Amino acid sequence: MKIAGMLLILAGVVALIYGGFSYTSHKKAVDLGAIQIERTENHTLPVPPILGIIAIAGGGCLLYFGARRGR
């Protein structure tokens, strides 16, 4: 439980700091046998700050209740 709680807190902090992530996709624009032209697109997926806050709170609960139950 402690490891899961720490990972949730870390993921929440990262989500709050970066605010999302981006990736690149490649698509074929033209395909004429030996001639191929690719088009590169950049995509950004935002992560709402509320998800980061919920992850931090959930991780804190896991740490608290995991340590409490272990006694």
C-alpha atoms as a PDB file:
ATOM      1  CA  MET A   1       0.000   0.000   0.000  1.00  0.00           C
ATOM      2  CA  LYS A   2       2.821   2.387   0.790  1.00  0.00           C
ATOM      3  CA  ILE A   3       4.413   2.006  -2.634  1.00  0.00           C
ATOM      4  CA  ALA A   4       1.080   2.564  -4.410  1.00  0.00           C
ATOM      5  CA  GLY A   5       0.464   5.654  -2.286  1.00  0.00           C
ATOM      6  CA  MET A   6       3.876   7.089  -3.076  1.00  0.00           C
ATOM      7  CA  LEU A   7       3.416   6.415  -6.790  1.00  0.00           C
ATOM      8  CA  LEU A   8       0.015   8.142  -6.767  1.00  0.00           C
ATOM      9  CA  ILE A   9       1.470  11.184  -5.023  1.00  0.00           C
ATOM     10  CA  LEU A  10       4.353  11.302  -7.490  1.00  0.00           C
ATOM     11  CA  ALA A  11       1.976  10.981 -10.463  1.00  0.00           C
ATOM     12  CA  GLY A  12      -0.213  13.772  -9.036  1.00  0.00           C
ATOM     13  CA  VAL A  13       2.745  16.116  -8.608  1.00  0.00           C
ATOM     14  CA  VAL A  14       3.976  15.383 -12.136  1.00  0.00           C
ATOM     15  CA  ALA A  15       0.468  16.007 -13.508  1.00  0.00           C
ATOM     16  CA  LEU A  16       0.319  19.369 -11.746  1.00  0.00           C
ATOM     17  CA  ILE A  17       3.786  20.419 -12.903  1.00  0.00           C
ATOM     18  CA  TYR A  18       3.565  19.387 -16.570  1.00  0.00           C
ATOM     19  CA  GLY A  19      -0.170  19.776 -17.127  1.00  0.00           C
ATOM     20  CA  GLY A  20      -0.298  17.124 -19.843  1.00  0.00           C
ATOM     21  CA  PHE A  21       1.799  15.273 -22.353  1.00  0.00           C
ATOM     22  CA  SER A  22       2.408  15.375 -26.067  1.00  0.00           C
ATOM     23  CA  TYR A  23       3.180  12.824 -28.742  1.00  0.00           C
ATOM     24  CA  THR A  24       3.964  12.761 -32.458  1.00  0.00           C
ATOM     25  CA  SER A  25       2.188  10.700 -35.096  1.00  0.00           C
ATOM     26  CA  HIS A  26       3.245  10.016 -38.678  1.00  0.00           C
ATOM     27  CA  LYS A  27       0.712   9.685 -41.489  1.00  0.00           C
ATOM     28  CA  LYS A  28       1.241   8.947 -45.161  1.00  0.00           C
ATOM     29  CA  ALA A  29       0.160  11.930 -47.236  1.00  0.00           C
ATOM     30  CA  VAL A  30       1.111  10.509 -50.651  1.00  0.00           C
ATOM     31  CA  ASP A  31       1.849   6.898 -51.609  1.00  0.00           C
ATOM     32  CA  LEU A  32       2.746   6.465 -55.275  1.00  0.00           C
ATOM     33  CA  GLY A  33       4.689   3.215 -55.277  1.00  0.00           C
ATOM     34  CA  ALA A  34       8.321   4.212 -54.804  1.00  0.00           C
ATOM     35  CA  ILE A  35       7.429   7.771 -53.855  1.00  0.00           C
ATOM     36  CA  GLN A  36       6.059   8.234 -50.353  1.00  0.00           C
ATOM     37  CA  ILE A  37       5.492  11.462 -48.471  1.00  0.00           C
ATOM     38  CA  GLU A  38       4.798  11.410 -44.739  1.00  0.00           C
ATOM     39  CA  ARG A  39       3.179  14.102 -42.669  1.00  0.00           C
ATOM     40  CA  THR A  40       4.120  14.579 -39.018  1.00  0.00           C
ATOM     41  CA  GLU A  41       1.498  15.771 -36.550  1.00  0.00           C
ATOM     42  CA  ASN A  42       2.094  16.866 -32.977  1.00  0.00           C
ATOM     43  CA  HIS A  43      -0.708  16.144 -30.522  1.00  0.00           C
ATOM     44  CA  THR A  44      -1.093  17.455 -26.982  1.00  0.00           C
ATOM     45  CA  LEU A  45      -3.284  15.833 -24.342  1.00  0.00           C
ATOM     46  CA  PRO A  46      -3.919  18.121 -21.378  1.00  0.00           C
ATOM     47  CA  VAL A  47      -4.351  16.673 -17.888  1.00  0.00           C
ATOM     48  CA  PRO A  48      -6.784  18.685 -15.740  1.00  0.00           C
ATOM     49  CA  PRO A  49      -5.268  19.919 -12.464  1.00  0.00           C
ATOM     50  CA  ILE A  50      -8.139  18.338 -10.517  1.00  0.00           C
ATOM     51  CA  LEU A  51      -6.842  14.872 -11.515  1.00  0.00           C
ATOM     52  CA  GLY A  52      -3.446  15.718 -10.042  1.00  0.00           C
ATOM     53  CA  ILE A  53      -5.047  16.905  -6.815  1.00  0.00           C
ATOM     54  CA  ILE A  54      -7.205  13.762  -6.605  1.00  0.00           C
ATOM     55  CA  ALA A  55      -4.137  11.561  -7.173  1.00  0.00           C
ATOM     56  CA  ILE A  56      -2.215  13.338  -4.409  1.00  0.00           C
ATOM     57  CA  ALA A  57      -5.146  13.051  -1.994  1.00  0.00           C
ATOM     58  CA  GLY A  58      -5.677   9.379  -2.859  1.00  0.00           C
ATOM     59  CA  GLY A  59      -1.991   8.624  -2.377  1.00  0.00           C
ATOM     60  CA  GLY A  60      -2.030  10.395   0.965  1.00  0.00           C
ATOM     61  CA  CYS A  61      -5.030   8.321   2.057  1.00  0.00           C
ATOM     62  CA  LEU A  62      -3.285   5.114   1.017  1.00  0.00           C
ATOM     63  CA  LEU A  63      -0.180   6.081   2.969  1.00  0.00           C
ATOM     64  CA  TYR A  64      -2.162   7.082   6.055  1.00  0.00           C
ATOM     65  CA  PHE A  65      -4.510   4.110   6.178  1.00  0.00           C
ATOM     66  CA  GLY A  66      -1.822   1.657   5.090  1.00  0.00           C
ATOM     67  CA  ALA A  67       0.450   2.724   7.950  1.00  0.00           C
ATOM     68  CA  ARG A  68      -2.471   2.740  10.397  1.00  0.00           C
ATOM     69  CA  ARG A  69      -3.606  -0.774   9.487  1.00  0.00           C
ATOM     70  CA  GLY A  70      -0.059  -2.139   9.749  1.00  0.00           C
ATOM     71  CA  ARG A  71       0.119  -1.450  13.505  1.00  0.00           C
END
